[in-house]
Structures are given as C-alpha cells and as structure tokens.
C-alpha cells in the first residue's frame, strides 16, 4: 500500500528524464498494478491511466531498472523481470 501513498498522493504522476532510443516500450497494468495502464514509449515518454484519467510523464531506464517520479518529487523504481515491472509493493504486467 506504500506505493499508493507514494505515487497516488499527488494525484498526478510526472516522471523525470528521458531515455530516447532505449528500445523500452509497451503497455503495463493488471490486477497487481495500481494503474489501469502505463504506456511506455520508445522516446522516453509515458502515459499513466488511472480512474479514467490520463497523465503524461517521462521515465528513465538503466539496465533492468525503470524509475518513475511523481510531481512532488516522490519516486518509485521498478525492476524489469521478464514481462513484469516489479516494485515490490506492486507488479505491473505487460498487457
């Protein structure tokens, strides 16, 4: 539940950094993910969908780590495990 506090508190998720040309992209979500869907684009942009709202942002990827930071500076780092982004407190599966 800490992830919901960390990223849900601001009501808007914005992420810092770009990772243009990273090759990382796709849609993630699922029952264990607090978002309905997170769309990562190859240009480093992301779109977070929650409760019918879409919030644009960006992400950074370093090796198997994908870092997300909220507008108020709080962050969360996922570890890429195959088709799953695992943050410990939540897991988002490739859709």
N, C-alpha and C. Protein backbone atom coordinates (compact mmCIF):
# COMPACT_ATOMS: atom_id res chain seq x y z
N UNK A 1 0.81 -1.20 0.00
CA UNK A 1 0.00 0.00 0.00
C UNK A 1 0.85 1.27 0.00
N UNK A 2 2.13 1.16 0.35
CA UNK A 2 3.01 2.32 0.35
C UNK A 2 3.11 2.94 -1.04
N UNK A 3 3.09 2.12 -2.09
CA UNK A 3 3.18 2.66 -3.45
C UNK A 3 1.99 3.55 -3.76
N UNK A 4 0.84 3.19 -3.27
CA UNK A 4 -0.34 4.02 -3.50
C UNK A 4 -0.16 5.38 -2.83
N UNK A 5 0.47 5.39 -1.67
CA UNK A 5 0.75 6.64 -0.98
C UNK A 5 1.81 7.44 -1.72
N UNK A 6 2.88 6.77 -2.13
CA UNK A 6 3.98 7.44 -2.79
C UNK A 6 3.54 8.09 -4.09
N UNK A 7 2.88 7.33 -4.95
CA UNK A 7 2.54 7.86 -6.26
C UNK A 7 1.11 8.36 -6.36
N UNK A 8 0.24 7.91 -5.48
CA UNK A 8 -1.15 8.33 -5.54
C UNK A 8 -1.40 9.64 -4.83
N UNK A 9 -0.50 10.03 -3.95
CA UNK A 9 -0.70 11.23 -3.14
C UNK A 9 -0.81 12.49 -3.97
N UNK A 10 -0.05 12.59 -5.02
CA UNK A 10 -0.07 13.82 -5.80
C UNK A 10 -1.25 13.87 -6.75
N UNK A 11 -1.84 12.72 -7.06
CA UNK A 11 -2.95 12.69 -7.99
C UNK A 11 -2.50 12.85 -9.43
N UNK A 12 -1.26 13.14 -9.63
CA UNK A 12 -0.72 13.33 -10.96
C UNK A 12 0.68 12.77 -10.98
N UNK A 13 0.93 11.91 -11.91
CA UNK A 13 2.25 11.31 -11.98
C UNK A 13 3.03 11.93 -13.12
N UNK A 14 4.14 12.53 -12.78
CA UNK A 14 5.07 13.02 -13.77
C UNK A 14 6.40 12.37 -13.47
N UNK A 15 7.12 12.06 -14.47
CA UNK A 15 8.37 11.37 -14.28
C UNK A 15 9.47 12.18 -14.92
N UNK A 16 10.65 12.14 -14.33
CA UNK A 16 11.77 12.92 -14.84
C UNK A 16 12.63 12.10 -15.75
N UNK A 17 13.32 12.80 -16.65
CA UNK A 17 14.31 12.15 -17.51
C UNK A 17 13.72 11.60 -18.77
N UNK A 18 14.56 11.36 -19.71
CA UNK A 18 14.15 10.74 -20.96
C UNK A 18 15.12 9.63 -21.25
N UNK A 19 14.65 8.66 -21.97
CA UNK A 19 15.59 7.61 -22.37
C UNK A 19 15.35 7.31 -23.83
N UNK A 20 15.54 8.32 -24.62
CA UNK A 20 15.36 8.20 -26.06
C UNK A 20 16.23 7.09 -26.61
N UNK A 21 15.62 6.30 -27.46
CA UNK A 21 16.36 5.24 -28.10
C UNK A 21 16.63 4.05 -27.21
N UNK A 22 15.99 3.96 -26.05
CA UNK A 22 16.24 2.86 -25.13
C UNK A 22 15.69 1.54 -25.67
N UNK A 23 14.70 1.63 -26.56
CA UNK A 23 14.07 0.43 -27.06
C UNK A 23 13.03 -0.13 -26.11
N UNK A 24 12.91 0.45 -24.92
CA UNK A 24 11.91 0.00 -23.95
C UNK A 24 10.58 0.63 -24.30
N UNK A 25 9.55 -0.18 -24.41
CA UNK A 25 8.21 0.35 -24.68
C UNK A 25 7.19 -0.72 -24.36
N UNK A 26 5.94 -0.30 -24.31
CA UNK A 26 4.85 -1.25 -24.11
C UNK A 26 3.84 -0.76 -23.11
N UNK A 27 2.75 -1.52 -23.02
CA UNK A 27 1.67 -1.23 -22.09
C UNK A 27 1.75 -2.21 -20.92
N UNK A 28 1.65 -1.69 -19.71
CA UNK A 28 1.72 -2.50 -18.49
C UNK A 28 0.52 -2.18 -17.61
N UNK A 29 0.07 -3.14 -16.84
CA UNK A 29 -1.06 -2.96 -15.93
C UNK A 29 -1.36 -4.28 -15.25
N UNK A 30 -2.65 -4.54 -15.01
CA UNK A 30 -3.06 -5.80 -14.40
C UNK A 30 -3.57 -5.63 -12.99
N UNK A 31 -4.03 -6.74 -12.41
CA UNK A 31 -4.65 -6.73 -11.09
C UNK A 31 -3.70 -6.31 -9.97
N UNK A 32 -2.42 -6.57 -10.12
CA UNK A 32 -1.45 -6.23 -9.07
C UNK A 32 -0.80 -4.87 -9.28
N UNK A 33 -1.29 -4.11 -10.27
CA UNK A 33 -0.76 -2.79 -10.59
C UNK A 33 -1.79 -1.75 -10.17
N UNK A 34 -1.36 -0.69 -9.50
CA UNK A 34 -2.33 0.32 -9.06
C UNK A 34 -2.87 1.17 -10.21
N UNK A 35 -2.21 1.11 -11.36
CA UNK A 35 -2.68 1.84 -12.54
C UNK A 35 -3.48 0.91 -13.44
N UNK A 36 -4.48 1.46 -14.13
CA UNK A 36 -5.19 0.67 -15.13
C UNK A 36 -4.24 0.31 -16.25
N UNK A 37 -3.40 1.28 -16.63
CA UNK A 37 -2.41 1.03 -17.68
C UNK A 37 -1.32 2.09 -17.61
N UNK A 38 -0.09 1.65 -17.84
CA UNK A 38 1.03 2.57 -18.03
C UNK A 38 1.58 2.26 -19.42
N UNK A 39 1.62 3.27 -20.28
CA UNK A 39 2.17 3.11 -21.62
C UNK A 39 3.53 3.77 -21.66
N UNK A 40 4.56 2.97 -21.93
CA UNK A 40 5.92 3.48 -22.08
C UNK A 40 6.23 3.54 -23.57
N UNK A 41 6.70 4.70 -24.04
CA UNK A 41 7.05 4.85 -25.45
C UNK A 41 8.56 4.89 -25.61
N UNK A 42 9.05 4.48 -26.77
CA UNK A 42 10.49 4.39 -27.02
C UNK A 42 11.21 5.72 -26.86
N UNK A 43 10.48 6.84 -27.02
CA UNK A 43 11.12 8.16 -26.93
C UNK A 43 11.31 8.64 -25.49
N UNK A 44 10.96 7.79 -24.51
CA UNK A 44 11.13 8.16 -23.11
C UNK A 44 9.89 8.77 -22.48
N UNK A 45 8.82 8.92 -23.24
CA UNK A 45 7.59 9.44 -22.66
C UNK A 45 6.73 8.28 -22.14
N UNK A 46 5.83 8.63 -21.24
CA UNK A 46 4.94 7.63 -20.66
C UNK A 46 3.56 8.24 -20.49
N UNK A 47 2.55 7.40 -20.47
CA UNK A 47 1.18 7.84 -20.24
C UNK A 47 0.60 6.93 -19.17
N UNK A 48 0.17 7.53 -18.06
CA UNK A 48 -0.37 6.79 -16.93
C UNK A 48 -1.89 6.92 -16.94
N UNK A 49 -2.61 5.81 -16.92
CA UNK A 49 -4.07 5.81 -16.92
C UNK A 49 -4.56 5.29 -15.58
N UNK A 50 -5.41 6.10 -14.92
CA UNK A 50 -5.95 5.74 -13.62
C UNK A 50 -7.31 6.37 -13.45
N UNK A 51 -8.31 5.56 -13.15
CA UNK A 51 -9.68 6.03 -12.94
C UNK A 51 -10.20 6.90 -14.08
N UNK A 52 -9.89 6.52 -15.32
CA UNK A 52 -10.37 7.24 -16.49
C UNK A 52 -9.59 8.50 -16.82
N UNK A 53 -8.58 8.81 -16.03
CA UNK A 53 -7.75 9.99 -16.30
C UNK A 53 -6.43 9.53 -16.89
N UNK A 54 -5.90 10.31 -17.82
CA UNK A 54 -4.60 10.02 -18.40
C UNK A 54 -3.64 11.15 -18.04
N UNK A 55 -2.47 10.74 -17.54
CA UNK A 55 -1.48 11.71 -17.09
C UNK A 55 -0.17 11.47 -17.83
N UNK A 56 0.32 12.46 -18.58
CA UNK A 56 1.58 12.28 -19.31
C UNK A 56 2.78 12.38 -18.38
N UNK A 57 3.84 11.76 -18.77
CA UNK A 57 5.07 11.85 -18.00
C UNK A 57 6.24 11.29 -18.78
N UNK A 58 7.32 11.08 -18.10
CA UNK A 58 8.52 10.51 -18.70
C UNK A 58 9.10 9.51 -17.74
N UNK A 59 10.05 8.73 -18.20
CA UNK A 59 10.67 7.72 -17.35
C UNK A 59 12.14 7.60 -17.72
N UNK A 60 12.89 7.01 -16.81
CA UNK A 60 14.28 6.67 -17.11
C UNK A 60 14.43 5.17 -16.96
N UNK A 61 15.31 4.60 -17.76
CA UNK A 61 15.60 3.18 -17.68
C UNK A 61 17.11 3.01 -17.67
N UNK A 62 17.58 2.26 -16.69
CA UNK A 62 19.01 1.97 -16.57
C UNK A 62 19.14 0.48 -16.28
N UNK A 63 19.56 -0.27 -17.29
CA UNK A 63 19.64 -1.72 -17.14
C UNK A 63 18.26 -2.31 -16.94
N UNK A 64 18.07 -3.00 -15.82
CA UNK A 64 16.75 -3.60 -15.55
C UNK A 64 15.90 -2.72 -14.63
N UNK A 65 16.28 -1.47 -14.43
CA UNK A 65 15.54 -0.55 -13.56
C UNK A 65 14.81 0.51 -14.37
N UNK A 66 13.53 0.72 -14.04
CA UNK A 66 12.72 1.78 -14.64
C UNK A 66 12.28 2.68 -13.49
N UNK A 67 12.72 3.94 -13.50
CA UNK A 67 12.43 4.87 -12.40
C UNK A 67 11.32 5.83 -12.78
N UNK A 68 10.37 5.97 -11.86
CA UNK A 68 9.21 6.84 -12.01
C UNK A 68 9.24 7.81 -10.84
N UNK A 69 9.01 9.09 -11.10
CA UNK A 69 9.00 10.09 -10.03
C UNK A 69 7.75 10.95 -10.15
N UNK A 70 7.06 11.18 -9.04
CA UNK A 70 5.84 11.98 -9.04
C UNK A 70 6.17 13.46 -9.11
N UNK A 71 5.16 14.27 -9.35
CA UNK A 71 5.33 15.72 -9.47
C UNK A 71 5.90 16.34 -8.20
N UNK A 72 5.60 15.74 -7.04
CA UNK A 72 6.11 16.31 -5.79
C UNK A 72 7.47 15.73 -5.39
N UNK A 73 8.10 15.00 -6.30
CA UNK A 73 9.45 14.51 -6.07
C UNK A 73 9.56 13.12 -5.47
N UNK A 74 8.45 12.51 -5.12
CA UNK A 74 8.49 11.15 -4.60
C UNK A 74 8.64 10.18 -5.76
N UNK A 75 9.32 9.09 -5.52
CA UNK A 75 9.59 8.19 -6.63
C UNK A 75 9.40 6.73 -6.30
N UNK A 76 9.46 5.96 -7.36
CA UNK A 76 9.33 4.52 -7.27
C UNK A 76 10.16 3.92 -8.39
N UNK A 77 10.89 2.87 -8.09
CA UNK A 77 11.69 2.21 -9.11
C UNK A 77 11.18 0.79 -9.29
N UNK A 78 10.93 0.45 -10.53
CA UNK A 78 10.53 -0.91 -10.90
C UNK A 78 11.77 -1.68 -11.34
N UNK A 79 11.77 -2.98 -11.12
CA UNK A 79 12.76 -3.88 -11.69
C UNK A 79 12.07 -4.67 -12.78
N UNK A 80 12.66 -4.69 -13.97
CA UNK A 80 12.09 -5.44 -15.09
C UNK A 80 12.42 -6.91 -14.87
N UNK A 81 11.38 -7.73 -14.77
CA UNK A 81 11.52 -9.18 -14.60
C UNK A 81 10.71 -9.85 -15.69
N UNK A 82 11.33 -10.01 -16.86
CA UNK A 82 10.61 -10.57 -18.00
C UNK A 82 9.54 -9.61 -18.47
N UNK A 83 8.29 -10.05 -18.41
CA UNK A 83 7.15 -9.23 -18.82
C UNK A 83 6.48 -8.52 -17.65
N UNK A 84 7.18 -8.40 -16.53
CA UNK A 84 6.62 -7.78 -15.32
C UNK A 84 7.54 -6.66 -14.84
N UNK A 85 6.93 -5.54 -14.45
CA UNK A 85 7.64 -4.46 -13.76
C UNK A 85 7.32 -4.63 -12.28
N UNK A 86 8.33 -4.94 -11.49
CA UNK A 86 8.14 -5.27 -10.08
C UNK A 86 8.69 -4.16 -9.20
N UNK A 87 7.81 -3.55 -8.41
CA UNK A 87 8.23 -2.51 -7.46
C UNK A 87 8.18 -3.04 -6.03
N UNK A 88 8.04 -4.33 -5.87
CA UNK A 88 7.94 -4.92 -4.54
C UNK A 88 6.53 -4.84 -3.99
N UNK A 89 6.02 -3.63 -3.87
CA UNK A 89 4.66 -3.42 -3.34
C UNK A 89 3.59 -3.52 -4.42
N UNK A 90 4.01 -3.49 -5.66
CA UNK A 90 3.07 -3.70 -6.78
C UNK A 90 3.84 -4.23 -7.99
N UNK A 91 3.12 -5.00 -8.79
CA UNK A 91 3.69 -5.55 -10.01
C UNK A 91 2.76 -5.21 -11.17
N UNK A 92 3.35 -4.69 -12.24
CA UNK A 92 2.58 -4.35 -13.45
C UNK A 92 3.03 -5.28 -14.57
N UNK A 93 2.09 -6.02 -15.13
CA UNK A 93 2.40 -6.99 -16.18
C UNK A 93 2.22 -6.40 -17.55
N UNK A 94 3.02 -6.88 -18.51
CA UNK A 94 2.88 -6.43 -19.89
C UNK A 94 1.51 -6.87 -20.39
N UNK A 95 0.79 -5.92 -20.98
CA UNK A 95 -0.57 -6.21 -21.48
C UNK A 95 -0.53 -6.66 -22.92
